[in-house]
N, C-alpha and C. Protein backbone atom coordinates (compact mmCIF):
# COMPACT_ATOMS: atom_id res chain seq x y z
N MET A 1 -23.25 -64.51 30.53
CA MET A 1 -21.95 -65.14 30.53
C MET A 1 -22.07 -66.66 30.58
N PHE A 2 -22.97 -67.17 31.42
CA PHE A 2 -23.07 -68.62 31.60
C PHE A 2 -23.51 -69.31 30.32
N ARG A 3 -24.36 -68.68 29.55
CA ARG A 3 -24.87 -69.28 28.31
C ARG A 3 -23.80 -69.36 27.22
N GLN A 4 -22.66 -68.74 27.42
CA GLN A 4 -21.57 -68.80 26.46
C GLN A 4 -20.62 -69.95 26.75
N ILE A 5 -20.82 -70.66 27.84
CA ILE A 5 -19.96 -71.78 28.21
C ILE A 5 -20.67 -73.07 27.85
N SER A 6 -20.13 -73.79 26.87
CA SER A 6 -20.76 -75.03 26.41
C SER A 6 -20.24 -76.23 27.18
N HIS A 7 -21.14 -77.18 27.40
CA HIS A 7 -20.75 -78.46 27.97
C HIS A 7 -20.18 -79.35 26.87
N HIS A 8 -19.27 -80.25 27.23
CA HIS A 8 -18.76 -81.22 26.27
C HIS A 8 -19.91 -82.06 25.73
N LEU A 9 -19.80 -82.47 24.48
CA LEU A 9 -20.87 -83.28 23.86
C LEU A 9 -21.17 -84.54 24.65
N GLU A 10 -20.12 -85.20 25.15
CA GLU A 10 -20.34 -86.46 25.88
C GLU A 10 -21.00 -86.24 27.24
N ASP A 11 -21.00 -85.02 27.76
CA ASP A 11 -21.62 -84.74 29.05
C ASP A 11 -23.08 -84.30 28.92
N ARG A 12 -23.51 -83.96 27.74
CA ARG A 12 -24.86 -83.41 27.58
C ARG A 12 -25.96 -84.41 27.90
N ASN A 13 -25.71 -85.69 27.68
CA ASN A 13 -26.73 -86.69 28.03
C ASN A 13 -26.90 -86.81 29.54
N LEU A 14 -25.91 -86.41 30.30
CA LEU A 14 -26.01 -86.42 31.75
C LEU A 14 -26.80 -85.22 32.27
N LEU A 15 -26.99 -84.24 31.42
CA LEU A 15 -27.69 -83.01 31.78
C LEU A 15 -29.01 -82.94 31.03
N ARG A 16 -29.81 -83.95 31.23
CA ARG A 16 -31.06 -84.12 30.49
C ARG A 16 -32.26 -83.70 31.33
N ILE A 17 -33.20 -83.06 30.69
CA ILE A 17 -34.48 -82.73 31.32
C ILE A 17 -35.55 -83.52 30.59
N VAL A 18 -36.33 -84.28 31.35
CA VAL A 18 -37.46 -85.02 30.79
C VAL A 18 -38.71 -84.23 31.12
N TRP A 19 -39.48 -83.88 30.10
CA TRP A 19 -40.57 -82.93 30.30
C TRP A 19 -41.78 -83.29 29.46
N ARG A 20 -42.93 -82.98 29.98
CA ARG A 20 -44.15 -83.00 29.17
C ARG A 20 -44.94 -81.75 29.53
N PHE A 21 -45.51 -81.13 28.52
CA PHE A 21 -46.18 -79.86 28.72
C PHE A 21 -47.54 -80.00 29.40
N ASN A 22 -48.18 -81.13 29.22
CA ASN A 22 -49.41 -81.43 29.94
C ASN A 22 -49.55 -82.96 30.02
N PRO A 23 -50.41 -83.48 30.87
CA PRO A 23 -50.49 -84.92 31.07
C PRO A 23 -50.82 -85.73 29.81
N ASP A 24 -51.41 -85.11 28.81
CA ASP A 24 -51.78 -85.82 27.59
C ASP A 24 -50.72 -85.77 26.50
N SER A 25 -49.73 -84.92 26.66
CA SER A 25 -48.71 -84.78 25.63
C SER A 25 -47.60 -85.82 25.83
N PRO A 26 -46.89 -86.15 24.77
CA PRO A 26 -45.80 -87.13 24.90
C PRO A 26 -44.63 -86.53 25.69
N ILE A 27 -43.86 -87.42 26.29
CA ILE A 27 -42.67 -86.99 27.03
C ILE A 27 -41.60 -86.57 26.03
N GLN A 28 -40.93 -85.47 26.34
CA GLN A 28 -39.85 -84.98 25.50
C GLN A 28 -38.57 -84.89 26.31
N ASP A 29 -37.44 -85.14 25.66
CA ASP A 29 -36.13 -85.01 26.28
C ASP A 29 -35.46 -83.74 25.78
N PHE A 30 -34.86 -83.01 26.71
CA PHE A 30 -34.09 -81.83 26.37
C PHE A 30 -32.71 -81.98 27.00
N ASN A 31 -31.67 -81.77 26.22
CA ASN A 31 -30.31 -81.81 26.75
C ASN A 31 -29.82 -80.38 26.95
N LEU A 32 -29.20 -80.14 28.09
CA LEU A 32 -28.62 -78.82 28.34
C LEU A 32 -27.28 -78.74 27.61
N CYS A 33 -27.11 -77.73 26.80
CA CYS A 33 -25.88 -77.58 26.03
C CYS A 33 -24.94 -76.56 26.65
N THR A 34 -25.47 -75.66 27.46
CA THR A 34 -24.66 -74.62 28.08
C THR A 34 -24.87 -74.62 29.59
N VAL A 35 -23.99 -73.94 30.28
CA VAL A 35 -24.09 -73.83 31.74
C VAL A 35 -25.36 -73.04 32.08
N THR A 36 -26.11 -73.54 33.01
CA THR A 36 -27.37 -72.91 33.40
C THR A 36 -27.15 -71.99 34.60
N TYR A 37 -27.55 -70.75 34.44
CA TYR A 37 -27.46 -69.79 35.54
C TYR A 37 -28.37 -70.26 36.68
N GLY A 38 -27.87 -70.19 37.89
CA GLY A 38 -28.67 -70.56 39.05
C GLY A 38 -28.30 -71.91 39.63
N THR A 39 -27.55 -72.71 38.88
CA THR A 39 -27.10 -73.98 39.44
C THR A 39 -25.91 -73.73 40.35
N ALA A 40 -25.70 -74.62 41.29
CA ALA A 40 -24.64 -74.41 42.29
C ALA A 40 -23.25 -74.33 41.66
N SER A 41 -23.02 -75.06 40.58
CA SER A 41 -21.68 -75.10 39.99
C SER A 41 -21.43 -73.98 38.98
N ALA A 42 -22.43 -73.21 38.60
CA ALA A 42 -22.27 -72.22 37.54
C ALA A 42 -21.18 -71.19 37.82
N PRO A 43 -21.11 -70.56 38.99
CA PRO A 43 -20.04 -69.59 39.24
C PRO A 43 -18.65 -70.22 39.19
N TRP A 44 -18.52 -71.43 39.73
CA TRP A 44 -17.22 -72.11 39.70
C TRP A 44 -16.82 -72.40 38.26
N LEU A 45 -17.75 -72.90 37.45
CA LEU A 45 -17.44 -73.21 36.05
C LEU A 45 -17.03 -71.95 35.29
N ALA A 46 -17.72 -70.85 35.53
CA ALA A 46 -17.38 -69.60 34.85
C ALA A 46 -15.97 -69.14 35.22
N ASN A 47 -15.64 -69.20 36.50
CA ASN A 47 -14.29 -68.82 36.94
C ASN A 47 -13.24 -69.76 36.37
N ARG A 48 -13.55 -71.04 36.32
CA ARG A 48 -12.60 -72.03 35.80
C ARG A 48 -12.32 -71.79 34.32
N VAL A 49 -13.35 -71.45 33.56
CA VAL A 49 -13.17 -71.16 32.14
C VAL A 49 -12.31 -69.92 31.95
N ILE A 50 -12.53 -68.89 32.73
CA ILE A 50 -11.73 -67.67 32.62
C ILE A 50 -10.27 -67.96 32.94
N LYS A 51 -10.01 -68.73 33.99
CA LYS A 51 -8.62 -69.05 34.34
C LYS A 51 -7.97 -69.91 33.26
N ASP A 52 -8.72 -70.84 32.69
CA ASP A 52 -8.18 -71.68 31.63
C ASP A 52 -7.85 -70.85 30.39
N LEU A 53 -8.74 -69.93 30.03
CA LEU A 53 -8.47 -69.05 28.89
C LEU A 53 -7.27 -68.15 29.14
N ALA A 54 -7.15 -67.65 30.36
CA ALA A 54 -5.99 -66.81 30.70
C ALA A 54 -4.69 -67.58 30.55
N GLN A 55 -4.70 -68.82 30.97
CA GLN A 55 -3.50 -69.66 30.87
C GLN A 55 -3.22 -70.03 29.41
N SER A 56 -4.26 -70.34 28.66
CA SER A 56 -4.10 -70.75 27.26
C SER A 56 -3.56 -69.62 26.38
N HIS A 57 -3.90 -68.39 26.71
CA HIS A 57 -3.50 -67.25 25.88
C HIS A 57 -2.46 -66.36 26.56
N ALA A 58 -1.71 -66.93 27.46
CA ALA A 58 -0.71 -66.16 28.21
C ALA A 58 0.38 -65.60 27.30
N GLU A 59 0.77 -66.34 26.28
CA GLU A 59 1.84 -65.86 25.40
C GLU A 59 1.37 -64.70 24.52
N SER A 60 0.15 -64.80 24.01
CA SER A 60 -0.32 -63.75 23.10
C SER A 60 -0.87 -62.53 23.82
N HIS A 61 -1.32 -62.70 25.06
CA HIS A 61 -1.89 -61.60 25.85
C HIS A 61 -1.37 -61.67 27.29
N PRO A 62 -0.09 -61.41 27.50
CA PRO A 62 0.49 -61.59 28.83
C PRO A 62 -0.11 -60.69 29.91
N ASP A 63 -0.39 -59.44 29.59
CA ASP A 63 -0.95 -58.54 30.61
C ASP A 63 -2.34 -58.98 31.04
N ALA A 64 -3.19 -59.28 30.07
CA ALA A 64 -4.55 -59.73 30.40
C ALA A 64 -4.51 -61.05 31.15
N SER A 65 -3.62 -61.93 30.75
CA SER A 65 -3.50 -63.22 31.43
C SER A 65 -3.10 -63.05 32.89
N THR A 66 -2.17 -62.17 33.15
CA THR A 66 -1.73 -61.93 34.53
C THR A 66 -2.87 -61.36 35.37
N ILE A 67 -3.56 -60.38 34.83
CA ILE A 67 -4.67 -59.76 35.57
C ILE A 67 -5.76 -60.77 35.87
N LEU A 68 -6.18 -61.54 34.87
CA LEU A 68 -7.24 -62.52 35.07
C LEU A 68 -6.82 -63.63 36.02
N SER A 69 -5.58 -64.06 35.93
CA SER A 69 -5.10 -65.13 36.81
C SER A 69 -5.08 -64.71 38.27
N LYS A 70 -4.78 -63.45 38.53
CA LYS A 70 -4.67 -62.98 39.91
C LYS A 70 -5.99 -62.50 40.50
N ARG A 71 -6.90 -62.01 39.68
CA ARG A 71 -8.10 -61.37 40.21
C ARG A 71 -9.38 -62.19 40.09
N VAL A 72 -9.32 -63.32 39.44
CA VAL A 72 -10.54 -64.14 39.30
C VAL A 72 -10.41 -65.33 40.22
């Protein structure tokens, strides 16, 4: 589930990993594009996305929106 939630493009530079595979290799930058499972904010972000989707689609899916809004 967490890998399906993308970070905004402008936030990806803030979520950078600087890595080298061994002391002789060049340093490489990796940007995180999706929410990483195991970080402290991951469960909150997942719940926030579900609530936002429930609110955004309330007119087209009122029953699902009500259930998700109350139970998540």
